[in-house]
């Protein structure tokens, strides 16, 4: 198994953006909602690579956002 953060921050958002692009869709300057976003790291990658105007993630499970923010900061 590869690096968890890289898989969620780099690879998964790339797959989402490629999937959307195949249908001519682009997140640039769009308002986006992600239902079932989990911990939000994929959404962080989508924000940085897809450049939506706004992205809001919704999930039923609580997440340790402070831990994830530290992890993201450590990775630059």
Protein backbone atom coordinates (compact mmCIF):
# COMPACT_ATOMS: atom_id res chain seq x y z
CA UNK A 1 0.00 0.00 0.00
CA UNK A 2 1.32 3.42 -0.94
CA UNK A 3 1.37 6.62 1.04
CA UNK A 4 -2.14 7.29 2.38
CA UNK A 5 -1.94 11.08 2.13
CA UNK A 6 -0.61 11.06 -1.43
CA UNK A 7 -3.25 8.56 -2.53
CA UNK A 8 -6.02 10.80 -1.14
CA UNK A 9 -4.57 14.22 -1.91
CA UNK A 10 -2.95 13.59 -5.32
CA UNK A 11 -4.19 10.40 -6.98
CA UNK A 12 -7.89 10.36 -6.04
CA UNK A 13 -8.54 14.01 -7.00
CA UNK A 14 -6.75 13.37 -10.29
CA UNK A 15 -9.11 10.47 -11.00
CA UNK A 16 -12.15 12.64 -10.19
CA UNK A 17 -10.93 15.49 -12.39
CA UNK A 18 -10.12 13.08 -15.25
CA UNK A 19 -13.56 11.46 -14.93
CA UNK A 20 -15.28 14.85 -15.09
CA UNK A 21 -13.09 16.06 -17.96
CA UNK A 22 -14.04 13.00 -20.01
CA UNK A 23 -17.59 14.41 -20.05
CA UNK A 24 -16.41 17.96 -20.70
CA UNK A 25 -16.89 19.07 -17.09
CA UNK A 26 -14.51 21.36 -15.24
CA UNK A 27 -14.59 22.49 -11.58
CA UNK A 28 -12.85 25.79 -12.26
CA UNK A 29 -14.78 28.63 -10.60
CA UNK A 30 -17.74 26.34 -9.82
CA UNK A 31 -19.63 25.94 -6.52
CA UNK A 32 -19.28 22.25 -5.60
CA UNK A 33 -20.82 20.03 -2.93
CA UNK A 34 -19.37 16.64 -2.00
CA UNK A 35 -21.86 14.43 -0.17
CA UNK A 36 -20.04 11.70 1.74
CA UNK A 37 -16.69 13.49 1.69
CA UNK A 38 -15.13 11.41 4.46
CA UNK A 39 -12.09 13.08 5.98
CA UNK A 40 -11.91 15.82 3.33
CA UNK A 41 -8.38 15.20 2.06
CA UNK A 42 -9.66 14.34 -1.43
CA UNK A 43 -11.63 17.59 -1.37
CA UNK A 44 -8.49 19.48 -0.36
CA UNK A 45 -6.76 18.04 -3.41
CA UNK A 46 -9.73 18.98 -5.59
CA UNK A 47 -9.61 22.56 -4.34
CA UNK A 48 -5.90 22.87 -5.10
CA UNK A 49 -6.03 21.14 -8.50
CA UNK A 50 -9.55 21.85 -9.73
CA UNK A 51 -9.82 25.48 -8.56
CA UNK A 52 -13.53 25.59 -7.70
CA UNK A 53 -14.79 28.91 -6.34
CA UNK A 54 -16.19 27.01 -3.35
CA UNK A 55 -16.23 23.36 -2.28
CA UNK A 56 -18.27 22.22 0.69
CA UNK A 57 -17.98 18.66 1.97
CA UNK A 58 -20.78 16.91 3.86
CA UNK A 59 -20.37 13.74 5.92
CA UNK A 60 -22.18 12.09 8.82
CA UNK A 61 -19.00 11.03 10.61
CA UNK A 62 -16.97 13.44 12.69
CA UNK A 63 -13.37 13.98 11.64
CA UNK A 64 -10.31 15.12 13.59
CA UNK A 65 -9.85 18.24 11.46
CA UNK A 66 -6.95 19.49 13.55
CA UNK A 67 -4.99 16.29 12.85
CA UNK A 68 -5.77 16.50 9.14
CA UNK A 69 -4.78 20.19 9.01
CA UNK A 70 -1.44 19.33 10.69
CA UNK A 71 -0.88 16.46 8.26
CA UNK A 72 -1.65 18.68 5.26
CA UNK A 73 0.63 21.42 6.60
CA UNK A 74 3.45 18.93 7.16
CA UNK A 75 3.11 17.84 3.52
CA UNK A 76 3.16 21.42 2.27
